[in-house]
Amino acid sequence: MEISRPHPPPPARRPWKAVAAAALGVAVVVVAVTVPTVLCRSAGGCAGAGGASEGLARLEEELDVTNRSLVEAREQRDGCREELGVLEGKASELKQALAEVTRLEEENKELRTEVSRQQEQLEQEQSRREELQQQNQALQEQLQDTRSQQTSGNGDKPSGLLPFLFFLLLLGLLLRK
């Protein structure tokens, strides 16, 4: 069984970059509005004192909005960094798990090869045992026939075959163990 390796994840979205870009844009707008007002004041005044204080109040409100946006953007950026850290940790864990699975697959393959080799060896030993049992059975039958001929009164002297058969019987019994 082969485990397919997952495709690498798509590049992580970086919403904090978008938030930072938006905050930078707001800051540019605030500077663009503030600079003419400051220049107007330093040049000796603008159109009416009431207009300047209204413009200043409006700029302060916009600055407050911008500051709140910047704080929110920083919080979002920090949250994104935390999430990125968690995701990197999980990716590291997954890499380790994948390495472990690969190692176990290799080990499993080696074990299967060893089991196959031992199975083949067992079959050879069983075949050899069956052959020895058949030889032993044949020798026992020959020995039995020889004994029955001797006891039946043939009167013949036992030939040299009997000790040889007895030797083969003992040899077969020893090999069987």
Protein backbone atom coordinates (compact mmCIF):
# COMPACT_ATOMS: atom_id res chain seq x y z
CA MET A 1 0.00 0.00 0.00
CA GLU A 2 1.54 3.24 -1.06
CA ILE A 3 0.41 6.51 0.44
CA SER A 4 0.23 9.31 -2.05
CA ARG A 5 2.04 12.36 -0.93
CA PRO A 6 -0.17 15.44 -0.66
CA HIS A 7 0.59 18.41 -2.84
CA PRO A 8 2.21 21.27 -0.96
CA PRO A 9 -0.35 23.72 0.35
CA PRO A 10 -0.92 26.88 -1.66
CA PRO A 11 1.01 29.88 -0.42
CA ALA A 12 -0.57 31.24 2.72
CA ARG A 13 -2.68 34.30 2.25
CA ARG A 14 -1.25 37.23 4.00
CA PRO A 15 -4.19 39.40 5.01
CA TRP A 16 -1.97 41.40 7.32
CA LYS A 17 -0.15 42.75 4.26
CA ALA A 18 -3.42 44.03 2.85
CA VAL A 19 -4.33 45.57 6.20
CA ALA A 20 -0.92 47.20 6.46
CA ALA A 21 -1.27 48.59 2.93
CA ALA A 22 -4.71 50.01 3.76
CA ALA A 23 -3.37 51.60 6.94
CA LEU A 24 -0.51 53.12 4.99
CA GLY A 25 -3.00 54.53 2.47
CA VAL A 26 -5.06 56.12 5.24
CA ALA A 27 -1.90 57.63 6.75
CA VAL A 28 -1.00 59.15 3.36
CA VAL A 29 -4.46 60.71 3.09
CA VAL A 30 -4.16 62.18 6.59
CA VAL A 31 -0.76 63.64 5.77
CA ALA A 32 -2.09 65.03 2.47
CA VAL A 33 -4.92 66.78 4.30
CA THR A 34 -2.82 67.92 7.26
CA VAL A 35 0.10 69.43 5.33
CA PRO A 36 -1.96 72.10 3.50
CA THR A 37 -3.63 73.12 6.76
CA VAL A 38 -0.32 73.48 8.55
CA LEU A 39 1.10 75.44 5.62
CA CYS A 40 -1.96 77.66 5.63
CA ARG A 41 -1.49 78.44 9.32
CA SER A 42 2.21 79.11 9.02
CA ALA A 43 1.67 81.39 6.02
CA GLY A 44 -0.37 83.74 8.10
CA GLY A 45 -3.85 82.42 8.18
CA CYS A 46 -6.55 80.87 6.14
CA ALA A 47 -9.97 81.94 5.08
CA GLY A 48 -11.56 82.85 8.39
CA ALA A 49 -10.74 81.74 11.91
CA GLY A 50 -13.86 79.60 12.17
CA GLY A 51 -12.96 77.64 9.05
CA ALA A 52 -9.54 76.81 10.46
CA SER A 53 -10.90 75.46 13.74
CA GLU A 54 -13.53 73.43 11.89
CA GLY A 55 -10.87 72.05 9.58
CA LEU A 56 -8.67 71.27 12.55
CA ALA A 57 -11.50 69.48 14.35
CA ARG A 58 -12.27 67.51 11.21
CA LEU A 59 -8.60 66.59 10.83
CA GLU A 60 -8.43 65.49 14.47
CA GLU A 61 -11.47 63.27 13.93
CA GLU A 62 -9.89 61.79 10.82
CA LEU A 63 -6.67 61.29 12.74
CA ASP A 64 -8.58 59.47 15.49
CA VAL A 65 -10.23 57.25 12.88
CA THR A 66 -6.85 56.60 11.31
CA ASN A 67 -5.32 55.76 14.69
CA ARG A 68 -8.16 53.32 15.44
CA SER A 69 -7.68 51.75 12.01
CA LEU A 70 -3.97 51.41 12.67
CA VAL A 71 -4.62 49.74 16.04
CA GLU A 72 -7.08 47.33 14.41
CA ALA A 73 -4.61 46.63 11.61
CA ARG A 74 -1.87 45.87 14.15
CA GLU A 75 -4.20 43.55 16.08
CA GLN A 76 -5.12 41.75 12.87
CA ARG A 77 -1.47 41.51 11.89
CA ASP A 78 -0.59 40.05 15.29
CA GLY A 79 -3.47 37.58 15.00
CA CYS A 80 -2.26 36.56 11.55
CA ARG A 81 1.25 36.05 12.89
CA GLU A 82 -0.09 33.82 15.66
CA GLU A 83 -2.11 31.80 13.15
CA LEU A 84 0.93 31.50 10.92
CA GLY A 85 2.96 30.19 13.86
CA VAL A 86 0.28 27.58 14.63
CA LEU A 87 0.11 26.53 10.98
CA GLU A 88 3.88 26.25 10.74
CA GLY A 89 3.86 24.04 13.85
CA LYS A 90 1.18 21.81 12.35
CA ALA A 91 3.09 21.60 9.08
CA SER A 92 6.18 20.52 10.99
CA GLU A 93 4.16 17.84 12.82
CA LEU A 94 2.75 16.61 9.51
CA LYS A 95 6.23 16.39 8.00
CA GLN A 96 7.39 14.31 10.96
CA ALA A 97 4.33 12.06 10.71
CA LEU A 98 4.92 11.60 6.98
CA ALA A 99 8.55 10.67 7.62
CA GLU A 100 7.39 8.13 10.23
CA VAL A 101 4.85 6.64 7.81
CA THR A 102 7.53 6.34 5.13
CA ARG A 103 9.89 4.64 7.59
CA LEU A 104 7.16 2.23 8.69
CA GLU A 105 6.31 1.39 5.07
CA GLU A 106 9.96 0.56 4.41
CA GLU A 107 10.12 -1.56 7.55
CA ASN A 108 6.89 -3.32 6.57
CA LYS A 109 8.32 -4.10 3.13
CA GLU A 110 11.45 -5.61 4.70
CA LEU A 111 9.35 -7.68 7.11
CA ARG A 112 7.21 -9.02 4.27
CA THR A 113 10.36 -10.06 2.41
CA GLU A 114 11.65 -11.84 5.52
CA VAL A 115 8.31 -13.61 6.05
CA SER A 116 8.34 -14.80 2.43
CA ARG A 117 11.88 -16.12 2.81
CA GLN A 118 11.02 -17.96 6.02
CA GLN A 119 7.84 -19.38 4.48
CA GLU A 120 9.87 -20.80 1.60
CA GLN A 121 12.40 -22.27 4.03
CA LEU A 122 9.58 -23.84 6.07
CA GLU A 123 8.11 -25.44 2.95
CA GLN A 124 11.52 -26.90 2.07
CA GLU A 125 11.95 -28.30 5.59
CA GLN A 126 8.47 -29.83 5.53
CA SER A 127 9.19 -31.47 2.18
CA ARG A 128 12.46 -32.86 3.51
CA ARG A 129 10.69 -34.18 6.62
CA GLU A 130 8.06 -35.95 4.51
CA GLU A 131 10.80 -37.60 2.44
CA LEU A 132 12.57 -38.80 5.59
CA GLN A 133 9.32 -40.13 7.01
CA GLN A 134 8.66 -42.07 3.81
CA GLN A 135 12.18 -43.50 3.87
CA ASN A 136 11.75 -44.42 7.53
CA GLN A 137 8.43 -46.12 6.82
CA ALA A 138 9.97 -48.13 3.97
CA LEU A 139 12.88 -49.19 6.18
CA GLN A 140 10.55 -50.22 8.97
CA GLU A 141 8.53 -52.33 6.53
CA GLN A 142 11.71 -53.98 5.24
CA LEU A 143 12.83 -54.63 8.80
CA GLN A 144 9.45 -56.12 9.65
CA ASP A 145 9.60 -58.35 6.57
CA THR A 146 13.09 -59.49 7.48
CA ARG A 147 12.04 -60.32 11.05
CA SER A 148 8.98 -62.20 9.89
CA GLN A 149 11.12 -64.24 7.49
CA GLN A 150 13.53 -65.09 10.31
CA THR A 151 10.78 -66.11 12.69
CA SER A 152 8.89 -68.12 10.09
CA GLY A 153 11.55 -70.74 10.23
CA ASN A 154 13.45 -70.20 7.09
CA GLY A 155 16.46 -71.11 9.00
CA ASP A 156 18.57 -68.89 6.89
CA LYS A 157 21.22 -66.95 8.60
CA PRO A 158 20.42 -63.26 8.78
CA SER A 159 22.18 -61.49 6.05
CA GLY A 160 24.26 -58.35 6.42
CA LEU A 161 21.18 -56.42 5.31
CA LEU A 162 19.59 -56.41 8.77
CA PRO A 163 22.30 -54.36 10.53
CA PHE A 164 22.39 -51.98 7.56
CA LEU A 165 18.61 -51.48 7.71
CA PHE A 166 18.77 -50.97 11.45
CA PHE A 167 21.47 -48.34 10.92
CA LEU A 168 19.32 -46.52 8.32
CA LEU A 169 16.34 -46.63 10.69
CA LEU A 170 18.36 -45.00 13.46
CA LEU A 171 19.74 -42.45 11.03
CA GLY A 172 16.22 -41.59 9.88
CA LEU A 173 15.04 -41.17 13.47
CA LEU A 174 17.96 -38.89 14.27
CA LEU A 175 17.40 -36.73 11.19
CA ARG A 176 13.71 -36.46 11.99
CA LYS A 177 14.43 -34.57 15.17
